[in-house]
Amino acid sequence: MSEECLEVRHYALWTAIDDLAVQVNLSPSALAVHAGLNSCTLNRSNRTRGGTLHWPSTATIGALLAVTETSWGEFGHLVDLIEQARLNQYDAAAALAMVRA
């Protein structure tokens, strides 16, 4: 996978996580706490360091999905929509609106 594709996937994954928080009216930090994680786990400053992409673990994602009552399939679909929107130069908000509809 190219570096550009990895960056788009990284963006899509973190945007989907942020959307999970929005769906339950929480900030990403509050969502992390509700999921039993450290409040800093989802901070934007932890997503890249020194140009290196940092990815959430499957355990972290699983905890977030459990708290938001979101299936892995729904989450994967959301990530895919955001990724396609980014690749096609569309607004990610339009992809999020499609999932919420």
Protein backbone atom coordinates (compact mmCIF):
# COMPACT_ATOMS: atom_id res chain seq x y z
CA MET A 1 0.00 0.00 0.00
CA SER A 2 1.37 3.41 -0.94
CA GLU A 3 2.18 6.07 1.63
CA GLU A 4 -0.67 8.21 0.30
CA CYS A 5 -3.16 5.33 0.69
CA LEU A 6 -1.95 4.73 4.25
CA GLU A 7 -2.44 8.39 5.09
CA VAL A 8 -5.97 8.33 3.68
CA ARG A 9 -6.81 5.13 5.61
CA HIS A 10 -5.34 6.68 8.79
CA TYR A 11 -7.45 9.82 8.28
CA ALA A 12 -10.58 7.73 7.64
CA LEU A 13 -10.08 5.55 10.70
CA TRP A 14 -9.58 8.47 13.08
CA THR A 15 -12.44 10.45 11.50
CA ALA A 16 -14.73 7.45 12.04
CA ILE A 17 -13.62 7.26 15.69
CA ASP A 18 -14.37 10.98 16.09
CA ASP A 19 -17.79 10.35 14.56
CA LEU A 20 -18.50 7.62 17.11
CA ALA A 21 -18.01 10.26 19.81
CA VAL A 22 -20.31 12.70 18.01
CA GLN A 23 -23.01 10.03 17.66
CA VAL A 24 -23.19 9.65 21.46
CA ASN A 25 -22.76 13.39 22.17
CA LEU A 26 -19.31 13.03 23.71
CA SER A 27 -15.89 14.43 23.03
CA PRO A 28 -13.28 11.87 21.95
CA SER A 29 -11.68 12.14 25.42
CA ALA A 30 -15.01 11.52 27.17
CA LEU A 31 -15.70 8.58 24.86
CA ALA A 32 -12.33 7.10 25.78
CA VAL A 33 -13.15 7.38 29.48
CA HIS A 34 -16.60 5.79 28.96
CA ALA A 35 -14.84 2.92 27.17
CA GLY A 36 -12.49 2.40 30.11
CA LEU A 37 -9.51 3.92 28.32
CA ASN A 38 -7.14 6.70 29.30
CA SER A 39 -8.66 10.09 28.50
CA CYS A 40 -5.66 10.93 26.28
CA THR A 41 -5.96 7.80 24.13
CA LEU A 42 -7.91 9.52 21.35
CA ASN A 43 -6.19 12.92 21.49
CA ARG A 44 -5.27 14.35 18.11
CA SER A 45 -1.71 14.86 19.34
CA ASN A 46 -1.35 11.08 19.73
CA ARG A 47 -2.39 10.28 16.17
CA THR A 48 0.94 11.23 14.60
CA ARG A 49 4.32 11.80 16.16
CA GLY A 50 7.29 13.09 14.26
CA GLY A 51 5.62 12.31 10.95
CA THR A 52 4.86 8.72 12.00
CA LEU A 53 1.26 7.57 11.83
CA HIS A 54 -0.05 6.00 15.04
CA TRP A 55 -2.95 3.59 14.86
CA PRO A 56 -5.45 2.58 17.56
CA SER A 57 -5.31 -1.05 18.65
CA THR A 58 -8.12 -3.47 17.88
CA ALA A 59 -8.76 -3.62 21.64
CA THR A 60 -9.23 0.17 21.72
CA ILE A 61 -11.56 0.12 18.73
CA GLY A 62 -13.49 -2.80 20.23
CA ALA A 63 -14.00 -0.91 23.48
CA LEU A 64 -15.25 2.15 21.60
CA LEU A 65 -17.64 0.06 19.51
CA ALA A 66 -19.03 -1.66 22.61
CA VAL A 67 -19.74 1.65 24.35
CA THR A 68 -21.38 3.15 21.25
CA GLU A 69 -23.25 -0.07 20.39
CA THR A 70 -21.70 -0.04 16.92
CA SER A 71 -20.88 -3.26 15.09
CA TRP A 72 -17.52 -3.90 13.48
CA GLY A 73 -19.34 -4.04 10.15
CA GLU A 74 -20.94 -0.63 10.65
CA PHE A 75 -17.62 0.84 11.70
CA GLY A 76 -15.83 -0.69 8.72
CA HIS A 77 -18.48 0.67 6.40
CA LEU A 78 -18.06 4.14 7.88
CA VAL A 79 -14.26 3.97 7.46
CA ASP A 80 -14.71 2.86 3.84
CA LEU A 81 -17.13 5.70 3.07
CA ILE A 82 -14.82 8.29 4.58
CA GLU A 83 -11.84 6.83 2.74
CA GLN A 84 -13.68 6.90 -0.59
CA ALA A 85 -14.84 10.45 0.04
CA ARG A 86 -11.25 11.50 0.73
CA LEU A 87 -9.90 9.69 -2.32
CA ASN A 88 -12.60 11.20 -4.52
CA GLN A 89 -12.04 14.70 -3.10
CA TYR A 90 -15.53 14.84 -1.64
CA ASP A 91 -16.33 16.26 1.75
CA ALA A 92 -16.08 13.61 4.49
CA ALA A 93 -19.14 15.21 6.12
CA ALA A 94 -21.23 14.01 3.17
CA ALA A 95 -20.04 10.45 3.76
CA LEU A 96 -20.87 10.72 7.46
CA ALA A 97 -24.34 12.02 6.62
CA MET A 98 -24.90 8.99 4.37
CA VAL A 99 -24.09 6.62 7.23
CA ARG A 100 -26.30 8.46 9.70
CA ALA A 101 -29.28 8.53 7.31
